Amino acid sequence: MPTHLLLLLFGLGAAVLCHYLPCQLLVDQPALINYLHMAGRKAMVLFLIAHVMATAVGLPGTWLVVSGGAVFGLVWGTILSTIGATLGAIAAFYLARLLLRHRIEHRFSQHKIMQKLNQMVSCHQLRCVLAIRLAPISPFNLVNFLFGLTPIHLRPYALGTFLGIIPGTAAYTWLGESGLKAFRGEGLTQLMAALVCLALLSLLPLLKPQK
């Protein structure tokens, strides 16, 4: 993807988002949820664009995922957040590869993390991305940029990201949906189940069999 095209798409997304979604809502979760509830048909589009833009520039996206669950429910919230985070991860990947790679490659090429990542990518690209994405403790936004500095191809990166973030995205979306129901006095059962699900996901790295 040419650099000017990437910047053009990024600028268009920012313009649309700023026009329809007040910037202060991006730091006020309750206000964002209320706004999206009243936004009608354009709510999904605005949420998707916000997710893409936030991920592309490295902003934390967990609160957006939780908000998506509160507004759109488990199914649609998971779908929108997964698509938005994947597209944003692709944008961050290209930003790093096109704008940063040659500038910082010589400084960090000998770093242990980059050497290990390059080694993993050179052997099994899709498996590498899936393993990292499925680990709930991996820093999602940092990983997006780091992958852009490796020779990995876009297809395994995008597919591995999409598939790998589904479990965690679904869990946080469920937390948003069940949290809203609990706030409305509809019971705590689903909220507790969502919290247990998140706890189990966080334990996945500890369940890795020892060689």
N, C-alpha and C. Protein backbone atom coordinates (compact mmCIF):
# COMPACT_ATOMS: atom_id res chain seq x y z
N MET A 1 0.85 -1.19 0.00
CA MET A 1 0.00 0.00 0.00
C MET A 1 0.89 1.25 0.00
N PRO A 2 0.69 2.17 -0.96
CA PRO A 2 1.49 3.40 -1.00
C PRO A 2 1.28 4.24 0.26
N THR A 3 2.32 4.93 0.67
CA THR A 3 2.24 5.73 1.89
C THR A 3 1.19 6.82 1.78
N HIS A 4 1.11 7.48 0.62
CA HIS A 4 0.15 8.59 0.49
C HIS A 4 -1.28 8.08 0.55
N LEU A 5 -1.53 6.86 0.06
CA LEU A 5 -2.89 6.30 0.13
C LEU A 5 -3.26 5.98 1.56
N LEU A 6 -2.31 5.42 2.31
CA LEU A 6 -2.56 5.12 3.71
C LEU A 6 -2.87 6.38 4.50
N LEU A 7 -2.09 7.43 4.27
CA LEU A 7 -2.32 8.69 4.98
C LEU A 7 -3.64 9.33 4.57
N LEU A 8 -4.02 9.18 3.29
CA LEU A 8 -5.29 9.71 2.82
C LEU A 8 -6.46 9.01 3.51
N LEU A 9 -6.41 7.68 3.57
CA LEU A 9 -7.47 6.92 4.23
C LEU A 9 -7.54 7.27 5.71
N PHE A 10 -6.39 7.42 6.32
CA PHE A 10 -6.33 7.78 7.74
C PHE A 10 -6.95 9.15 7.96
N GLY A 11 -6.64 10.09 7.09
CA GLY A 11 -7.20 11.44 7.21
C GLY A 11 -8.70 11.46 7.00
N LEU A 12 -9.19 10.69 6.03
CA LEU A 12 -10.63 10.62 5.79
C LEU A 12 -11.36 10.03 6.99
N GLY A 13 -10.79 8.98 7.55
CA GLY A 13 -11.40 8.37 8.73
C GLY A 13 -11.46 9.33 9.90
N ALA A 14 -10.38 10.06 10.11
CA ALA A 14 -10.34 11.04 11.19
C ALA A 14 -11.36 12.15 10.97
N ALA A 15 -11.50 12.59 9.72
CA ALA A 15 -12.45 13.66 9.41
C ALA A 15 -13.88 13.22 9.66
N VAL A 16 -14.22 12.02 9.21
CA VAL A 16 -15.58 11.49 9.42
C VAL A 16 -15.86 11.34 10.91
N LEU A 17 -14.89 10.80 11.63
CA LEU A 17 -15.07 10.57 13.05
C LEU A 17 -15.26 11.88 13.81
N CYS A 18 -14.44 12.87 13.51
CA CYS A 18 -14.54 14.16 14.20
C CYS A 18 -15.83 14.89 13.86
N HIS A 19 -16.34 14.66 12.64
CA HIS A 19 -17.57 15.35 12.23
C HIS A 19 -18.80 14.79 12.94
N TYR A 20 -18.86 13.48 13.08
CA TYR A 20 -20.06 12.85 13.63
C TYR A 20 -19.94 12.47 15.10
N LEU A 21 -18.71 12.35 15.60
CA LEU A 21 -18.53 11.89 16.97
C LEU A 21 -17.71 12.92 17.74
N PRO A 22 -18.32 13.64 18.69
CA PRO A 22 -17.58 14.63 19.48
C PRO A 22 -16.35 14.01 20.13
N CYS A 23 -15.22 14.69 20.01
CA CYS A 23 -13.95 14.13 20.48
C CYS A 23 -13.96 13.81 21.97
N GLN A 24 -14.71 14.59 22.76
CA GLN A 24 -14.70 14.36 24.20
C GLN A 24 -15.32 13.02 24.58
N LEU A 25 -16.12 12.46 23.67
CA LEU A 25 -16.75 11.17 23.95
C LEU A 25 -15.72 10.04 23.98
N LEU A 26 -14.58 10.25 23.33
CA LEU A 26 -13.56 9.21 23.27
C LEU A 26 -12.84 9.02 24.60
N VAL A 27 -13.07 9.94 25.54
CA VAL A 27 -12.47 9.80 26.87
C VAL A 27 -13.55 9.74 27.94
N ASP A 28 -14.80 9.58 27.53
CA ASP A 28 -15.93 9.52 28.46
C ASP A 28 -16.80 8.33 28.07
N GLN A 29 -16.53 7.17 28.66
CA GLN A 29 -17.21 5.95 28.23
C GLN A 29 -18.73 6.00 28.42
N PRO A 30 -19.25 6.42 29.58
CA PRO A 30 -20.71 6.48 29.72
C PRO A 30 -21.36 7.39 28.68
N ALA A 31 -20.73 8.53 28.40
CA ALA A 31 -21.29 9.45 27.40
C ALA A 31 -21.23 8.83 26.01
N LEU A 32 -20.15 8.10 25.72
CA LEU A 32 -20.04 7.43 24.42
C LEU A 32 -21.12 6.38 24.25
N ILE A 33 -21.37 5.60 25.29
CA ILE A 33 -22.41 4.58 25.22
C ILE A 33 -23.77 5.21 24.98
N ASN A 34 -24.07 6.28 25.72
CA ASN A 34 -25.36 6.97 25.52
C ASN A 34 -25.47 7.55 24.12
N TYR A 35 -24.38 8.12 23.62
CA TYR A 35 -24.40 8.72 22.28
C TYR A 35 -24.66 7.66 21.22
N LEU A 36 -23.98 6.53 21.33
CA LEU A 36 -24.16 5.47 20.34
C LEU A 36 -25.56 4.87 20.42
N HIS A 37 -26.12 4.80 21.62
CA HIS A 37 -27.49 4.31 21.77
C HIS A 37 -28.47 5.20 21.01
N MET A 38 -28.18 6.49 20.94
CA MET A 38 -29.09 7.44 20.29
C MET A 38 -28.71 7.73 18.84
N ALA A 39 -27.62 7.14 18.37
CA ALA A 39 -27.11 7.48 17.03
C ALA A 39 -27.85 6.78 15.90
N GLY A 40 -28.68 5.81 16.25
CA GLY A 40 -29.46 5.13 15.21
C GLY A 40 -28.61 4.27 14.30
N ARG A 41 -28.90 4.34 13.01
CA ARG A 41 -28.25 3.45 12.04
C ARG A 41 -26.76 3.72 11.88
N LYS A 42 -26.36 4.95 12.13
CA LYS A 42 -24.93 5.25 11.92
C LYS A 42 -24.06 4.86 13.11
N ALA A 43 -24.67 4.32 14.17
CA ALA A 43 -23.91 3.97 15.36
C ALA A 43 -22.83 2.92 15.06
N MET A 44 -23.21 1.90 14.29
CA MET A 44 -22.24 0.83 13.98
C MET A 44 -21.06 1.36 13.17
N VAL A 45 -21.35 2.22 12.20
CA VAL A 45 -20.29 2.77 11.35
C VAL A 45 -19.35 3.63 12.18
N LEU A 46 -19.91 4.49 13.03
CA LEU A 46 -19.09 5.36 13.88
C LEU A 46 -18.23 4.54 14.84
N PHE A 47 -18.84 3.52 15.42
CA PHE A 47 -18.09 2.67 16.35
C PHE A 47 -16.95 1.96 15.63
N LEU A 48 -17.22 1.47 14.44
CA LEU A 48 -16.20 0.76 13.67
C LEU A 48 -15.04 1.69 13.32
N ILE A 49 -15.37 2.90 12.85
CA ILE A 49 -14.31 3.86 12.50
C ILE A 49 -13.51 4.25 13.73
N ALA A 50 -14.19 4.47 14.85
CA ALA A 50 -13.49 4.83 16.09
C ALA A 50 -12.53 3.73 16.51
N HIS A 51 -12.97 2.49 16.36
CA HIS A 51 -12.12 1.36 16.72
C HIS A 51 -10.88 1.29 15.83
N VAL A 52 -11.09 1.47 14.54
CA VAL A 52 -9.97 1.42 13.60
C VAL A 52 -8.96 2.52 13.91
N MET A 53 -9.46 3.75 14.10
CA MET A 53 -8.57 4.88 14.33
C MET A 53 -7.81 4.75 15.65
N ALA A 54 -8.51 4.33 16.70
CA ALA A 54 -7.87 4.19 18.01
C ALA A 54 -6.76 3.14 17.96
N THR A 55 -7.05 2.02 17.31
CA THR A 55 -6.05 0.96 17.22
C THR A 55 -4.87 1.39 16.36
N ALA A 56 -5.15 2.10 15.28
CA ALA A 56 -4.10 2.51 14.34
C ALA A 56 -3.06 3.41 15.00
N VAL A 57 -3.51 4.27 15.92
CA VAL A 57 -2.58 5.20 16.56
C VAL A 57 -2.09 4.70 17.91
N GLY A 58 -2.49 3.48 18.28
CA GLY A 58 -1.98 2.88 19.49
C GLY A 58 -2.70 3.21 20.77
N LEU A 59 -3.94 3.71 20.68
CA LEU A 59 -4.72 3.99 21.89
C LEU A 59 -5.31 2.70 22.45
N PRO A 60 -5.43 2.59 23.77
CA PRO A 60 -6.02 1.38 24.36
C PRO A 60 -7.45 1.17 23.84
N GLY A 61 -7.75 -0.06 23.45
CA GLY A 61 -9.05 -0.33 22.85
C GLY A 61 -9.99 -1.15 23.70
N THR A 62 -9.53 -1.59 24.88
CA THR A 62 -10.38 -2.45 25.71
C THR A 62 -11.68 -1.77 26.09
N TRP A 63 -11.60 -0.50 26.43
CA TRP A 63 -12.82 0.21 26.84
C TRP A 63 -13.79 0.35 25.67
N LEU A 64 -13.27 0.42 24.44
CA LEU A 64 -14.15 0.45 23.28
C LEU A 64 -14.85 -0.89 23.10
N VAL A 65 -14.13 -1.97 23.32
CA VAL A 65 -14.73 -3.30 23.21
C VAL A 65 -15.85 -3.46 24.24
N VAL A 66 -15.58 -3.05 25.47
CA VAL A 66 -16.60 -3.11 26.53
C VAL A 66 -17.80 -2.25 26.16
N SER A 67 -17.54 -1.06 25.62
CA SER A 67 -18.63 -0.17 25.19
C SER A 67 -19.45 -0.82 24.09
N GLY A 68 -18.77 -1.50 23.16
CA GLY A 68 -19.49 -2.19 22.08
C GLY A 68 -20.43 -3.24 22.61
N GLY A 69 -20.03 -3.95 23.65
CA GLY A 69 -20.91 -4.93 24.26
C GLY A 69 -22.13 -4.29 24.89
N ALA A 70 -21.92 -3.14 25.54
CA ALA A 70 -23.04 -2.45 26.19
C ALA A 70 -24.03 -1.90 25.17
N VAL A 71 -23.54 -1.51 24.00
CA VAL A 71 -24.41 -0.88 23.00
C VAL A 71 -25.01 -1.90 22.03
N PHE A 72 -24.19 -2.82 21.52
CA PHE A 72 -24.63 -3.70 20.44
C PHE A 72 -24.88 -5.14 20.87
N GLY A 73 -24.57 -5.48 22.12
CA GLY A 73 -24.76 -6.84 22.57
C GLY A 73 -23.56 -7.72 22.24
N LEU A 74 -23.64 -8.97 22.68
CA LEU A 74 -22.50 -9.88 22.55
C LEU A 74 -22.13 -10.18 21.11
N VAL A 75 -23.12 -10.54 20.28
CA VAL A 75 -22.82 -10.98 18.92
C VAL A 75 -22.30 -9.84 18.06
N TRP A 76 -23.11 -8.79 17.91
CA TRP A 76 -22.70 -7.68 17.04
C TRP A 76 -21.53 -6.91 17.63
N GLY A 77 -21.48 -6.80 18.95
CA GLY A 77 -20.35 -6.12 19.58
C GLY A 77 -19.04 -6.84 19.28
N THR A 78 -19.06 -8.17 19.37
CA THR A 78 -17.87 -8.96 19.08
C THR A 78 -17.47 -8.82 17.61
N ILE A 79 -18.45 -8.90 16.72
CA ILE A 79 -18.17 -8.80 15.29
C ILE A 79 -17.55 -7.44 14.96
N LEU A 80 -18.17 -6.37 15.43
CA LEU A 80 -17.68 -5.03 15.11
C LEU A 80 -16.30 -4.77 15.72
N SER A 81 -16.11 -5.18 16.96
CA SER A 81 -14.83 -4.94 17.61
C SER A 81 -13.72 -5.76 16.97
N THR A 82 -14.03 -6.99 16.59
CA THR A 82 -13.02 -7.83 15.94
C THR A 82 -12.60 -7.25 14.60
N ILE A 83 -13.59 -6.83 13.81
CA ILE A 83 -13.29 -6.23 12.51
C ILE A 83 -12.53 -4.91 12.69
N GLY A 84 -13.01 -4.07 13.60
CA GLY A 84 -12.37 -2.77 13.83
C GLY A 84 -10.94 -2.91 14.32
N ALA A 85 -10.73 -3.82 15.28
CA ALA A 85 -9.38 -4.00 15.81
C ALA A 85 -8.44 -4.59 14.75
N THR A 86 -8.97 -5.50 13.92
CA THR A 86 -8.14 -6.09 12.87
C THR A 86 -7.74 -5.05 11.83
N LEU A 87 -8.70 -4.25 11.39
CA LEU A 87 -8.39 -3.20 10.41
C LEU A 87 -7.43 -2.17 11.00
N GLY A 88 -7.64 -1.82 12.26
CA GLY A 88 -6.72 -0.89 12.92
C GLY A 88 -5.33 -1.47 13.07
N ALA A 89 -5.26 -2.77 13.36
CA ALA A 89 -3.96 -3.44 13.47
C ALA A 89 -3.24 -3.46 12.13
N ILE A 90 -3.99 -3.64 11.05
CA ILE A 90 -3.40 -3.60 9.71
C ILE A 90 -2.86 -2.20 9.41
N ALA A 91 -3.64 -1.18 9.79
CA ALA A 91 -3.19 0.20 9.57
C ALA A 91 -1.92 0.50 10.36
N ALA A 92 -1.87 0.06 11.62
CA ALA A 92 -0.67 0.27 12.44
C ALA A 92 0.52 -0.49 11.86
N PHE A 93 0.26 -1.67 11.36
CA PHE A 93 1.29 -2.49 10.71
C PHE A 93 1.91 -1.75 9.54
N TYR A 94 1.05 -1.15 8.70
CA TYR A 94 1.55 -0.41 7.54
C TYR A 94 2.23 0.89 7.95
N LEU A 95 1.70 1.55 8.98
CA LEU A 95 2.35 2.78 9.45
C LEU A 95 3.79 2.49 9.89
N ALA A 96 3.95 1.40 10.63
CA ALA A 96 5.29 1.03 11.08
C ALA A 96 6.18 0.63 9.91
N ARG A 97 5.63 -0.14 8.99
CA ARG A 97 6.45 -0.64 7.88
C ARG A 97 6.83 0.46 6.89
N LEU A 98 5.90 1.35 6.59
CA LEU A 98 6.15 2.36 5.57
C LEU A 98 6.84 3.61 6.10
N LEU A 99 6.56 3.95 7.35
CA LEU A 99 7.07 5.21 7.88
C LEU A 99 8.21 5.05 8.89
N LEU A 100 8.25 3.91 9.57
CA LEU A 100 9.20 3.78 10.67
C LEU A 100 10.28 2.74 10.46
N ARG A 101 10.02 1.76 9.62
CA ARG A 101 10.91 0.60 9.55
C ARG A 101 12.36 0.97 9.26
N HIS A 102 12.57 1.74 8.21
CA HIS A 102 13.94 2.05 7.81
C HIS A 102 14.62 3.02 8.78
N ARG A 103 13.81 3.77 9.54
CA ARG A 103 14.38 4.76 10.45
C ARG A 103 14.87 4.13 11.75
N ILE A 104 14.18 3.10 12.20
CA ILE A 104 14.55 2.53 13.50
C ILE A 104 15.09 1.11 13.41
N GLU A 105 15.05 0.54 12.20
CA GLU A 105 15.50 -0.84 12.05
C GLU A 105 16.96 -0.99 12.48
N HIS A 106 17.80 -0.02 12.11
CA HIS A 106 19.22 -0.13 12.43
C HIS A 106 19.48 0.01 13.93
N ARG A 107 18.53 0.61 14.65
CA ARG A 107 18.71 0.82 16.09
C ARG A 107 18.26 -0.39 16.90
N PHE A 108 17.22 -1.09 16.41
CA PHE A 108 16.63 -2.17 17.19
C PHE A 108 16.79 -3.55 16.56
N SER A 109 17.48 -3.61 15.42
CA SER A 109 17.61 -4.90 14.74
C SER A 109 18.35 -5.93 15.59
N GLN A 110 19.22 -5.46 16.49
CA GLN A 110 19.98 -6.38 17.34
C GLN A 110 19.33 -6.60 18.71
N HIS A 111 18.17 -5.99 18.92
CA HIS A 111 17.47 -6.17 20.19
C HIS A 111 16.96 -7.61 20.29
N LYS A 112 17.02 -8.17 21.50
CA LYS A 112 16.63 -9.57 21.68
C LYS A 112 15.18 -9.83 21.27
N ILE A 113 14.29 -8.89 21.59
CA ILE A 113 12.88 -9.08 21.25
C ILE A 113 12.70 -9.14 19.74
N MET A 114 13.34 -8.21 19.01
CA MET A 114 13.21 -8.19 17.56
C MET A 114 13.86 -9.42 16.94
N GLN A 115 14.99 -9.85 17.47
CA GLN A 115 15.64 -11.04 16.94
C GLN A 115 14.76 -12.27 17.13
N LYS A 116 14.15 -12.39 18.31
CA LYS A 116 13.27 -13.53 18.58
C LYS A 116 12.04 -13.48 17.69
N LEU A 117 11.45 -12.30 17.53
CA LEU A 117 10.26 -12.16 16.70
C LEU A 117 10.58 -12.47 15.24
N ASN A 118 11.68 -11.97 14.75
CA ASN A 118 12.08 -12.26 13.37
C ASN A 118 12.33 -13.75 13.16
N GLN A 119 12.89 -14.39 14.17
CA GLN A 119 13.14 -15.82 14.08
C GLN A 119 11.83 -16.60 14.02
N MET A 120 10.87 -16.23 14.85
CA MET A 120 9.56 -16.89 14.86
C MET A 120 8.83 -16.67 13.54
N VAL A 121 8.88 -15.44 13.04
CA VAL A 121 8.18 -15.11 11.80
C VAL A 121 8.78 -15.86 10.62
N SER A 122 10.08 -16.04 10.62
CA SER A 122 10.74 -16.70 9.49
C SER A 122 10.37 -18.17 9.40
N CYS A 123 9.92 -18.76 10.51
CA CYS A 123 9.58 -20.19 10.52
C CYS A 123 8.09 -20.43 10.26
N HIS A 124 7.24 -19.84 11.06
CA HIS A 124 5.80 -20.09 10.96
C HIS A 124 5.07 -18.76 11.18
N GLN A 125 4.75 -18.07 10.10
CA GLN A 125 4.17 -16.74 10.22
C GLN A 125 2.79 -16.76 10.87
N LEU A 126 1.87 -17.55 10.35
CA LEU A 126 0.51 -17.58 10.90
C LEU A 126 0.51 -18.10 12.33
N ARG A 127 1.26 -19.16 12.57
CA ARG A 127 1.31 -19.74 13.91
C ARG A 127 1.89 -18.74 14.91
N CYS A 128 2.87 -17.99 14.48
CA CYS A 128 3.49 -16.98 15.34
C CYS A 128 2.48 -15.91 15.74
N VAL A 129 1.74 -15.40 14.76
CA VAL A 129 0.76 -14.35 15.05
C VAL A 129 -0.34 -14.88 15.96
N LEU A 130 -0.84 -16.08 15.67
CA LEU A 130 -1.89 -16.68 16.49
C LEU A 130 -1.43 -16.85 17.94
N ALA A 131 -0.23 -17.34 18.12
CA ALA A 131 0.28 -17.58 19.47
C ALA A 131 0.36 -16.28 20.27
N ILE A 132 0.81 -15.23 19.62
CA ILE A 132 0.95 -13.94 20.31
C ILE A 132 -0.42 -13.31 20.56
N ARG A 133 -1.31 -13.39 19.59
CA ARG A 133 -2.63 -12.78 19.75
C ARG A 133 -3.48 -13.50 20.79
N LEU A 134 -3.31 -14.80 20.91
CA LEU A 134 -4.10 -15.56 21.88
C LEU A 134 -3.61 -15.35 23.31
N ALA A 135 -2.40 -14.85 23.46
CA ALA A 135 -1.88 -14.59 24.80
C ALA A 135 -2.45 -13.28 25.32
N PRO A 136 -3.31 -13.32 26.35
CA PRO A 136 -3.98 -12.09 26.81
C PRO A 136 -3.03 -11.06 27.41
N ILE A 137 -1.81 -11.47 27.76
CA ILE A 137 -0.89 -10.51 28.39
C ILE A 137 -0.04 -9.79 27.36
N SER A 138 -0.12 -10.16 26.09
CA SER A 138 0.70 -9.49 25.08
C SER A 138 0.13 -8.10 24.79
N PRO A 139 0.98 -7.08 24.72
CA PRO A 139 0.51 -5.71 24.46
C PRO A 139 0.06 -5.56 23.01
N PHE A 140 -1.24 -5.53 22.80
CA PHE A 140 -1.82 -5.58 21.45
C PHE A 140 -1.27 -4.49 20.54
N ASN A 141 -1.30 -3.24 21.00
CA ASN A 141 -0.90 -2.12 20.13
C ASN A 141 0.59 -2.15 19.83
N LEU A 142 1.41 -2.47 20.82
CA LEU A 142 2.85 -2.54 20.59
C LEU A 142 3.18 -3.64 19.58
N VAL A 143 2.50 -4.77 19.71
CA VAL A 143 2.73 -5.89 18.79
C VAL A 143 2.40 -5.50 17.35
N ASN A 144 1.36 -4.69 17.17
CA ASN A 144 1.00 -4.24 15.82
C ASN A 144 2.17 -3.56 15.14
N PHE A 145 2.81 -2.66 15.86
CA PHE A 145 3.94 -1.92 15.29
C PHE A 145 5.17 -2.81 15.13
N LEU A 146 5.40 -3.70 16.09
CA LEU A 146 6.57 -4.58 16.00
C LEU A 146 6.48 -5.50 14.80
N PHE A 147 5.29 -6.03 14.52
CA PHE A 147 5.14 -6.89 13.35
C PHE A 147 5.43 -6.12 12.06
N GLY A 148 5.12 -4.84 12.06
CA GLY A 148 5.41 -4.03 10.88
C GLY A 148 6.89 -3.89 10.60
N LEU A 149 7.71 -4.13 11.61
CA LEU A 149 9.16 -4.04 11.46
C LEU A 149 9.79 -5.37 11.06
N THR A 150 8.97 -6.41 10.95
CA THR A 150 9.46 -7.73 10.56
C THR A 150 9.13 -7.98 9.09
N PRO A 151 9.68 -9.04 8.50
CA PRO A 151 9.38 -9.35 7.09
C PRO A 151 8.10 -10.15 6.90
N ILE A 152 7.24 -10.23 7.90
CA ILE A 152 6.02 -11.01 7.79
C ILE A 152 5.12 -10.47 6.67
N HIS A 153 4.40 -11.37 6.01
CA HIS A 153 3.48 -10.97 4.96
C HIS A 153 2.15 -10.53 5.57
N LEU A 154 1.40 -9.73 4.82
CA LEU A 154 0.15 -9.17 5.34
C LEU A 154 -0.89 -10.25 5.60
N ARG A 155 -1.03 -11.22 4.68
CA ARG A 155 -2.12 -12.20 4.81
C ARG A 155 -2.04 -13.00 6.12
N PRO A 156 -0.93 -13.64 6.47
CA PRO A 156 -0.89 -14.36 7.74
C PRO A 156 -1.01 -13.43 8.95
N TYR A 157 -0.50 -12.21 8.81
CA TYR A 157 -0.62 -11.25 9.91
C TYR A 157 -2.08 -10.89 10.15
N ALA A 158 -2.81 -10.57 9.07
CA ALA A 158 -4.21 -10.17 9.20
C ALA A 158 -5.07 -11.33 9.67
N LEU A 159 -4.87 -12.52 9.08
CA LEU A 159 -5.68 -13.68 9.45
C LEU A 159 -5.39 -14.11 10.88
N GLY A 160 -4.12 -14.13 11.25
CA GLY A 160 -3.77 -14.51 12.61
C GLY A 160 -4.30 -13.53 13.64
N THR A 161 -4.28 -12.25 13.30
CA THR A 161 -4.83 -11.23 14.19
C THR A 161 -6.33 -11.41 14.35
N PHE A 162 -7.04 -11.56 13.23
CA PHE A 162 -8.50 -11.69 13.26
C PHE A 162 -8.92 -12.89 14.11
N LEU A 163 -8.33 -14.05 13.84
CA LEU A 163 -8.71 -15.26 14.56
C LEU A 163 -8.23 -15.23 16.01
N GLY A 164 -7.05 -14.69 16.23
CA GLY A 164 -6.47 -14.73 17.56
C GLY A 164 -7.12 -13.83 18.58
N ILE A 165 -7.74 -12.74 18.12
CA ILE A 165 -8.34 -11.81 19.09
C ILE A 165 -9.80 -12.11 19.38
N ILE A 166 -10.39 -13.07 18.67
CA ILE A 166 -11.81 -13.36 18.87
C ILE A 166 -12.13 -13.76 20.31
N PRO A 167 -11.41 -14.71 20.93
CA PRO A 167 -11.78 -15.09 22.30
C PRO A 167 -11.75 -13.93 23.29
N GLY A 168 -10.67 -13.17 23.30
CA GLY A 168 -10.58 -12.05 24.23
C GLY A 168 -11.59 -10.97 23.94
N THR A 169 -11.82 -10.70 22.65
CA THR A 169 -12.80 -9.68 22.26
C THR A 169 -14.19 -10.09 22.71
N ALA A 170 -14.54 -11.36 22.51
CA ALA A 170 -15.86 -11.84 22.92
C ALA A 170 -16.03 -11.73 24.44
N ALA A 171 -14.97 -12.04 25.18
CA ALA A 171 -15.06 -11.98 26.64
C ALA A 171 -15.27 -10.55 27.13
N TYR A 172 -14.52 -9.60 26.60
CA TYR A 172 -14.69 -8.21 27.01
C TYR A 172 -16.02 -7.63 26.53
N THR A 173 -16.47 -8.08 25.36
CA THR A 173 -17.78 -7.64 24.88
C THR A 173 -18.88 -8.14 25.80
N TRP A 174 -18.77 -9.39 26.20
CA TRP A 174 -19.74 -9.97 27.14
C TRP A 174 -19.71 -9.22 28.46
N LEU A 175 -18.52 -8.80 28.89
CA LEU A 175 -18.41 -8.01 30.11
C LEU A 175 -19.19 -6.71 29.98
N GLY A 176 -19.11 -6.06 28.82
CA GLY A 176 -19.86 -4.83 28.61
C GLY A 176 -21.36 -5.04 28.61
N GLU A 177 -21.80 -6.09 27.92
CA GLU A 177 -23.24 -6.38 27.87
C GLU A 177 -23.77 -6.76 29.24
N SER A 178 -23.08 -7.67 29.93
CA SER A 178 -23.55 -8.13 31.23
C SER A 178 -23.42 -7.04 32.29
N GLY A 179 -22.40 -6.19 32.16
CA GLY A 179 -22.24 -5.09 33.10
C GLY A 179 -23.39 -4.10 33.02
N LEU A 180 -23.83 -3.82 31.78
CA LEU A 180 -24.97 -2.91 31.61
C LEU A 180 -26.24 -3.53 32.19
N LYS A 181 -26.43 -4.83 31.98
CA LYS A 181 -27.61 -5.50 32.53
C LYS A 181 -27.58 -5.48 34.05
N ALA A 182 -26.40 -5.69 34.62
CA ALA A 182 -26.28 -5.65 36.08
C ALA A 182 -26.57 -4.25 36.61
N PHE A 183 -26.10 -3.23 35.88
CA PHE A 183 -26.36 -1.85 36.28
C PHE A 183 -27.85 -1.53 36.26
N ARG A 184 -28.57 -2.17 35.33
CA ARG A 184 -30.01 -1.96 35.22
C ARG A 184 -30.79 -2.83 36.21
N GLY A 185 -30.10 -3.62 37.01
CA GLY A 185 -30.76 -4.46 37.99
C GLY A 185 -31.30 -5.75 37.45
N GLU A 186 -30.73 -6.23 36.35
CA GLU A 186 -31.21 -7.46 35.72
C GLU A 186 -30.44 -8.69 36.18
N GLY A 187 -29.71 -8.58 37.27
CA GLY A 187 -29.00 -9.73 37.82
C GLY A 187 -27.51 -9.68 37.57
N LEU A 188 -26.78 -10.43 38.40
CA LEU A 188 -25.32 -10.43 38.34
C LEU A 188 -24.74 -11.71 37.75
N THR A 189 -25.61 -12.67 37.41
CA THR A 189 -25.12 -13.97 36.97
C THR A 189 -24.23 -13.87 35.73
N GLN A 190 -24.72 -13.16 34.71
CA GLN A 190 -23.94 -13.03 33.48
C GLN A 190 -22.65 -12.26 33.71
N LEU A 191 -22.71 -11.24 34.55
CA LEU A 191 -21.51 -10.45 34.83
C LEU A 191 -20.45 -11.31 35.50
N MET A 192 -20.86 -12.12 36.46
CA MET A 192 -19.91 -13.00 37.14
C MET A 192 -19.33 -14.03 36.16
N ALA A 193 -20.19 -14.54 35.27
CA ALA A 193 -19.71 -15.51 34.28
C ALA A 193 -18.69 -14.87 33.34
N ALA A 194 -18.94 -13.62 32.94
CA ALA A 194 -18.01 -12.92 32.06
C ALA A 194 -16.67 -12.70 32.76
N LEU A 195 -16.70 -12.36 34.03
CA LEU A 195 -15.47 -12.16 34.79
C LEU A 195 -14.68 -13.46 34.93
N VAL A 196 -15.40 -14.55 35.15
CA VAL A 196 -14.75 -15.86 35.23
C VAL A 196 -14.10 -16.21 33.89
N CYS A 197 -14.81 -15.91 32.80
CA CYS A 197 -14.28 -16.17 31.46
C CYS A 197 -12.98 -15.40 31.23
N LEU A 198 -12.96 -14.13 31.63
CA LEU A 198 -11.75 -13.32 31.48
C LEU A 198 -10.61 -13.86 32.34
N ALA A 199 -10.95 -14.32 33.54
CA ALA A 199 -9.93 -14.88 34.42
C ALA A 199 -9.32 -16.14 33.81
N LEU A 200 -10.16 -16.98 33.21
CA LEU A 200 -9.66 -18.20 32.58
C LEU A 200 -8.76 -17.88 31.39
N LEU A 201 -9.15 -16.88 30.61
CA LEU A 201 -8.32 -16.48 29.47
C LEU A 201 -6.95 -15.98 29.93
N SER A 202 -6.94 -15.27 31.05
CA SER A 202 -5.66 -14.75 31.56
C SER A 202 -4.74 -15.86 32.05
N LEU A 203 -5.32 -17.03 32.33
CA LEU A 203 -4.52 -18.16 32.81
C LEU A 203 -3.99 -19.04 31.69
N LEU A 204 -4.42 -18.78 30.46
CA LEU A 204 -4.01 -19.62 29.34
C LEU A 204 -2.49 -19.79 29.22
N PRO A 205 -1.71 -18.70 29.35
CA PRO A 205 -0.25 -18.87 29.23
C PRO A 205 0.32 -19.83 30.27
N LEU A 206 -0.32 -19.92 31.45
CA LEU A 206 0.17 -20.80 32.50
C LEU A 206 -0.15 -22.26 32.23
N LEU A 207 -1.11 -22.50 31.31
CA LEU A 207 -1.51 -23.87 30.99
C LEU A 207 -0.69 -24.47 29.88
N LYS A 208 0.26 -23.70 29.33
CA LYS A 208 1.11 -24.20 28.24
C LYS A 208 1.95 -25.37 28.75
N PRO A 209 1.88 -26.50 28.08
CA PRO A 209 2.64 -27.66 28.55
C PRO A 209 4.14 -27.42 28.52
N GLN A 210 4.80 -27.90 29.52
CA GLN A 210 6.25 -27.76 29.60
C GLN A 210 6.94 -28.81 28.74
N LYS A 211 7.99 -28.40 28.01
CA LYS A 211 8.72 -29.34 27.17
C LYS A 211 9.79 -30.08 27.99
